[in-house]
Amino acid sequence: MGRLVPAVTRALDILELFLDGDGTLSAPDIVRKLQLPRTTVHELVTTLAARSYIVPVPGQPGRYRLGVRPYQLGSRYAEHLDLAAEGQQVARSVAETCDETVHVAILEDTDVIYIAKVDSTHAVRMVSAAGRRLPAHCTSVGKMLLASLPEPELAVRVPDDAELIAMTPNSITDPAALREALTEIRARGIAVESRESNPDVSCVAAPVRDRTGRVVAALSISVPMIRWSDERRVELEQLAAKGAAQLSELLGHRSVTA
């Protein structure tokens, strides 16, 4: 890897400062936050403004906000996003860490469709395939995606009198019980499936968000019961959440921290 260019690094540091607070900054703000010389900041701000990366805030002399150029670059990046391809990349990374089967799935009506999958290298592993469709209420990814729907939309997709099929004796078949499970999933931010779609497999799943914050997919880790335990579940929940966050970041999502 070549040497980093200090001036470019500082310019990018300035741009990234606009992601926090109210999105406006003055030159003294930048000096204080980055501990840079005032002359350096003045030169960088002048250059960024000349290239439309930042613009003056109307009615607030000396303050700047992001200009149109970052939006144009972000829009071009978004045009070339491929959820399946990005999902496959992240799924591979997660699978290499835990050596279990990893899926990325989307919701279609009341089913989930797996759009990416990486297998475990264990002899005993979940058998599935990208493109497979399963009832959402029987899977961790599906329950995660259902839990992310606005309540009116969920009521349309899963009405109180919905007939929920059972894939195993552990499948949820009562709409009221499903809604109770979804409430818990919303609170935890993680979905768990215990032998509900396959009698020999349990799964955990976490939500994947796009740049608007909308949940567009879910990432899951599937484990045969011979390797499942409470300790393993906790470990995989953390890993699924991390993988889902990585995929979300690739899609342009930025988590907000206190």
Protein backbone atom coordinates (compact mmCIF):
# COMPACT_ATOMS: atom_id res chain seq x y z
CA MET A 1 0.00 0.00 0.00
CA GLY A 2 1.25 3.47 -0.90
CA ARG A 3 1.80 6.35 1.49
CA LEU A 4 -1.22 8.29 2.70
CA VAL A 5 -1.30 11.93 1.62
CA PRO A 6 -1.69 14.11 4.75
CA ALA A 7 -3.59 16.93 3.02
CA VAL A 8 -6.14 14.53 1.54
CA THR A 9 -6.53 12.77 4.88
CA ARG A 10 -7.20 16.08 6.62
CA ALA A 11 -9.72 17.13 3.99
CA LEU A 12 -11.58 13.84 4.43
CA ASP A 13 -11.45 14.25 8.22
CA ILE A 14 -13.14 17.62 7.80
CA LEU A 15 -15.89 16.19 5.59
CA GLU A 16 -16.57 13.39 8.07
CA LEU A 17 -17.05 15.92 10.88
CA PHE A 18 -20.26 17.02 9.13
CA LEU A 19 -21.80 13.62 9.87
CA ASP A 20 -22.20 14.57 13.53
CA GLY A 21 -24.18 17.24 15.35
CA ASP A 22 -26.48 19.46 13.31
CA GLY A 23 -24.40 19.09 10.16
CA THR A 24 -22.92 22.59 10.22
CA LEU A 25 -19.42 23.69 11.24
CA SER A 26 -17.29 26.83 11.38
CA ALA A 27 -13.54 26.97 10.82
CA PRO A 28 -12.92 27.40 14.59
CA ASP A 29 -15.04 24.29 15.21
CA ILE A 30 -12.83 22.32 12.83
CA VAL A 31 -9.63 23.67 14.40
CA ARG A 32 -10.85 22.62 17.85
CA LYS A 33 -12.12 19.18 16.84
CA LEU A 34 -9.16 18.14 14.68
CA GLN A 35 -6.41 20.09 16.47
CA LEU A 36 -5.15 21.49 13.17
CA PRO A 37 -3.47 24.86 12.54
CA ARG A 38 -5.91 27.63 11.65
CA THR A 39 -4.09 28.39 8.40
CA THR A 40 -4.31 24.75 7.32
CA VAL A 41 -8.02 24.62 8.10
CA HIS A 42 -8.67 27.86 6.23
CA GLU A 43 -6.91 26.53 3.13
CA LEU A 44 -8.74 23.20 3.24
CA VAL A 45 -12.14 24.81 3.83
CA THR A 46 -11.53 27.23 0.95
CA THR A 47 -10.61 24.33 -1.35
CA LEU A 48 -13.58 22.18 -0.33
CA ALA A 49 -15.96 25.11 -0.80
CA ALA A 50 -14.49 25.88 -4.24
CA ARG A 51 -15.22 22.29 -5.31
CA SER A 52 -18.78 22.34 -3.85
CA TYR A 53 -18.02 19.74 -1.17
CA ILE A 54 -19.12 22.26 1.43
CA VAL A 55 -21.16 25.47 1.09
CA PRO A 56 -21.87 28.46 3.35
CA VAL A 57 -24.97 28.22 5.51
CA PRO A 58 -27.40 31.03 4.53
CA GLY A 59 -27.86 33.55 7.32
CA GLN A 60 -25.02 32.06 9.41
CA PRO A 61 -21.77 33.80 8.40
CA GLY A 62 -18.69 31.63 8.77
CA ARG A 63 -20.59 28.35 9.02
CA TYR A 64 -20.66 25.59 6.41
CA ARG A 65 -22.71 22.52 5.57
CA LEU A 66 -22.15 19.71 3.08
CA GLY A 67 -22.59 20.72 -0.56
CA VAL A 68 -24.01 18.91 -3.54
CA ARG A 69 -20.84 17.03 -4.51
CA PRO A 70 -20.93 14.45 -1.65
CA TYR A 71 -24.60 13.79 -2.50
CA GLN A 72 -23.71 13.22 -6.14
CA LEU A 73 -20.94 10.80 -5.22
CA GLY A 74 -23.23 8.95 -2.79
CA SER A 75 -25.96 8.69 -5.39
CA ARG A 76 -23.55 7.23 -7.93
CA TYR A 77 -22.36 4.71 -5.32
CA ALA A 78 -25.96 3.72 -4.54
CA GLU A 79 -26.69 3.16 -8.25
CA HIS A 80 -24.15 0.37 -8.35
CA LEU A 81 -25.10 -1.39 -5.12
CA ASP A 82 -26.05 -5.05 -5.45
CA LEU A 83 -27.60 -6.42 -2.26
CA ALA A 84 -27.01 -10.03 -3.26
CA ALA A 85 -23.37 -9.45 -4.17
CA GLU A 86 -22.63 -7.37 -1.08
CA GLY A 87 -24.54 -9.91 1.03
CA GLN A 88 -22.48 -12.78 -0.35
CA GLN A 89 -19.28 -10.93 0.50
CA VAL A 90 -20.32 -10.29 4.11
CA ALA A 91 -21.80 -13.77 4.52
CA ARG A 92 -18.46 -15.25 3.46
CA SER A 93 -16.63 -13.16 6.05
CA VAL A 94 -19.05 -14.17 8.82
CA ALA A 95 -18.88 -17.85 7.83
CA GLU A 96 -15.08 -17.75 7.93
CA THR A 97 -15.30 -16.48 11.50
CA CYS A 98 -17.81 -18.99 12.89
CA ASP A 99 -17.63 -21.88 10.36
CA GLU A 100 -21.41 -22.18 10.28
CA THR A 101 -23.89 -21.65 7.45
CA VAL A 102 -24.72 -17.98 6.85
CA HIS A 103 -27.67 -16.64 4.86
CA VAL A 104 -28.89 -13.25 3.72
CA ALA A 105 -32.62 -13.11 2.94
CA ILE A 106 -35.31 -10.66 1.88
CA LEU A 107 -39.06 -10.64 2.54
CA GLU A 108 -41.60 -11.23 -0.21
CA ASP A 109 -45.20 -11.17 1.01
CA THR A 110 -45.12 -13.72 3.86
CA ASP A 111 -42.12 -15.71 2.60
CA VAL A 112 -38.39 -15.17 2.79
CA ILE A 113 -36.12 -15.65 -0.20
CA TYR A 114 -32.48 -16.43 0.40
CA ILE A 115 -30.35 -14.21 -1.85
CA ALA A 116 -26.91 -15.16 -0.51
CA LYS A 117 -25.51 -18.22 1.24
CA VAL A 118 -22.13 -19.52 2.42
CA ASP A 119 -21.86 -23.07 3.73
CA SER A 120 -20.13 -24.33 6.82
CA THR A 121 -17.18 -26.64 6.22
CA HIS A 122 -18.42 -29.07 8.89
CA ALA A 123 -19.58 -32.49 7.72
CA VAL A 124 -22.84 -31.88 9.62
CA ARG A 125 -24.37 -28.64 8.38
CA MET A 126 -27.61 -27.09 7.20
CA VAL A 127 -28.58 -28.00 3.64
CA SER A 128 -30.12 -25.09 1.74
CA ALA A 129 -29.59 -22.96 -1.35
CA ALA A 130 -29.70 -19.35 -2.50
CA GLY A 131 -33.07 -18.72 -4.12
CA ARG A 132 -34.92 -20.99 -1.74
CA ARG A 133 -38.24 -19.70 -0.39
CA LEU A 134 -39.60 -20.48 3.10
CA PRO A 135 -42.51 -19.23 5.24
CA ALA A 136 -41.23 -16.18 7.09
CA HIS A 137 -42.80 -17.09 10.42
CA CYS A 138 -40.77 -20.32 10.59
CA THR A 139 -37.33 -18.73 10.20
CA SER A 140 -35.14 -16.35 12.17
CA VAL A 141 -34.58 -14.12 9.12
CA GLY A 142 -38.30 -14.11 8.41
CA LYS A 143 -39.28 -13.22 11.95
CA MET A 144 -36.66 -10.48 11.96
CA LEU A 145 -38.09 -9.04 8.75
CA LEU A 146 -41.70 -9.33 9.91
CA ALA A 147 -40.79 -7.63 13.18
CA SER A 148 -39.37 -4.72 11.18
CA LEU A 149 -42.62 -4.01 9.33
CA PRO A 150 -44.86 -1.11 10.37
CA GLU A 151 -47.81 -2.44 12.34
CA PRO A 152 -50.44 -1.66 9.65
CA GLU A 153 -48.40 -3.52 7.04
CA LEU A 154 -47.84 -6.46 9.36
CA ALA A 155 -51.59 -6.66 10.02
CA VAL A 156 -52.23 -6.93 6.29
CA ARG A 157 -49.61 -9.62 5.73
CA VAL A 158 -50.42 -11.60 8.86
CA PRO A 159 -54.06 -10.94 9.87
CA ASP A 160 -55.48 -12.31 13.11
CA ASP A 161 -57.11 -15.20 11.26
CA ALA A 162 -54.04 -16.09 9.18
CA GLU A 163 -53.35 -19.79 8.69
CA LEU A 164 -49.69 -20.29 9.55
CA ILE A 165 -48.34 -23.60 8.33
CA ALA A 166 -46.07 -25.73 10.49
CA MET A 167 -42.76 -26.96 9.11
CA THR A 168 -41.87 -28.73 12.36
CA PRO A 169 -43.64 -29.35 15.68
CA ASN A 170 -41.86 -26.22 16.99
CA SER A 171 -43.22 -23.87 14.31
CA ILE A 172 -45.41 -20.99 15.46
CA THR A 173 -48.90 -21.47 14.00
CA ASP A 174 -50.93 -18.99 16.09
CA PRO A 175 -50.90 -15.38 14.80
CA ALA A 176 -51.21 -14.05 18.36
CA ALA A 177 -48.18 -16.07 19.46
CA LEU A 178 -46.27 -14.83 16.43
CA ARG A 179 -47.06 -11.21 17.27
CA GLU A 180 -45.84 -11.80 20.83
CA ALA A 181 -42.59 -13.23 19.46
CA LEU A 182 -42.18 -10.29 17.08
CA THR A 183 -42.63 -7.82 19.94
CA GLU A 184 -39.74 -9.48 21.77
CA ILE A 185 -37.62 -9.44 18.62
CA ARG A 186 -38.20 -5.70 18.16
CA ALA A 187 -37.07 -5.12 21.75
CA ARG A 188 -33.92 -7.24 21.41
CA GLY A 189 -32.99 -6.43 17.82
CA ILE A 190 -32.17 -10.12 17.30
CA ALA A 191 -34.35 -13.03 16.18
CA VAL A 192 -33.86 -16.63 17.27
CA GLU A 193 -35.39 -19.71 15.70
CA SER A 194 -35.25 -22.98 17.61
CA ARG A 195 -35.93 -25.92 15.27
CA GLU A 196 -38.92 -24.15 13.70
CA SER A 197 -38.04 -24.73 10.03
CA ASN A 198 -35.77 -27.74 10.46
CA PRO A 199 -35.99 -30.12 13.44
CA ASP A 200 -32.20 -30.39 13.57
CA VAL A 201 -31.22 -26.73 13.20
CA SER A 202 -31.45 -23.49 15.18
CA CYS A 203 -30.68 -20.00 13.85
CA VAL A 204 -30.09 -16.41 14.88
CA ALA A 205 -30.68 -13.36 12.67
CA ALA A 206 -30.07 -9.61 12.69
CA PRO A 207 -31.52 -6.80 10.54
CA VAL A 208 -29.79 -5.24 7.53
CA ARG A 209 -30.64 -1.58 6.85
CA ASP A 210 -30.21 0.63 3.81
CA ARG A 211 -29.02 4.25 3.80
CA THR A 212 -32.49 5.47 4.86
CA GLY A 213 -32.51 3.18 7.90
CA ARG A 214 -35.16 0.90 6.43
CA VAL A 215 -34.72 -2.85 7.06
CA VAL A 216 -34.23 -4.41 3.63
CA ALA A 217 -32.83 -7.83 4.52
CA ALA A 218 -31.67 -9.99 7.39
CA LEU A 219 -28.49 -11.98 7.98
CA SER A 220 -28.68 -15.30 9.79
CA ILE A 221 -26.34 -17.98 11.13
CA SER A 222 -27.69 -21.55 11.15
CA VAL A 223 -26.33 -24.21 13.48
CA PRO A 224 -27.07 -27.95 13.79
CA MET A 225 -28.37 -28.82 17.25
CA ILE A 226 -25.28 -30.92 17.98
CA ARG A 227 -23.29 -27.65 18.08
CA TRP A 228 -26.00 -25.47 19.67
CA SER A 229 -25.93 -24.21 23.25
CA ASP A 230 -26.90 -21.08 25.16
CA GLU A 231 -23.27 -19.96 25.15
CA ARG A 232 -22.97 -20.56 21.41
CA ARG A 233 -26.26 -18.73 20.80
CA VAL A 234 -25.00 -15.60 22.58
CA GLU A 235 -21.75 -15.70 20.62
CA LEU A 236 -23.55 -16.10 17.29
CA GLU A 237 -26.08 -13.37 18.09
CA GLN A 238 -23.19 -10.93 18.50
CA LEU A 239 -21.55 -12.14 15.30
CA ALA A 240 -24.80 -11.92 13.30
CA ALA A 241 -25.38 -8.38 14.57
CA LYS A 242 -21.85 -7.41 13.59
CA GLY A 243 -22.19 -8.96 10.13
CA ALA A 244 -25.56 -7.30 9.56
CA ALA A 245 -24.08 -3.96 10.61
CA GLN A 246 -21.21 -4.43 8.14
CA LEU A 247 -23.64 -5.16 5.32
CA SER A 248 -25.78 -2.19 6.35
CA GLU A 249 -22.71 0.04 6.18
CA LEU A 250 -21.98 -1.21 2.66
CA LEU A 251 -25.54 -0.21 1.75
CA GLY A 252 -24.93 3.30 3.02
CA HIS A 253 -26.47 3.01 6.49
CA ARG A 254 -24.83 4.95 9.27
CA SER A 255 -25.69 3.95 12.81
CA VAL A 256 -26.36 6.74 15.26
CA THR A 257 -24.52 6.48 18.56
CA ALA A 258 -25.20 8.49 21.65
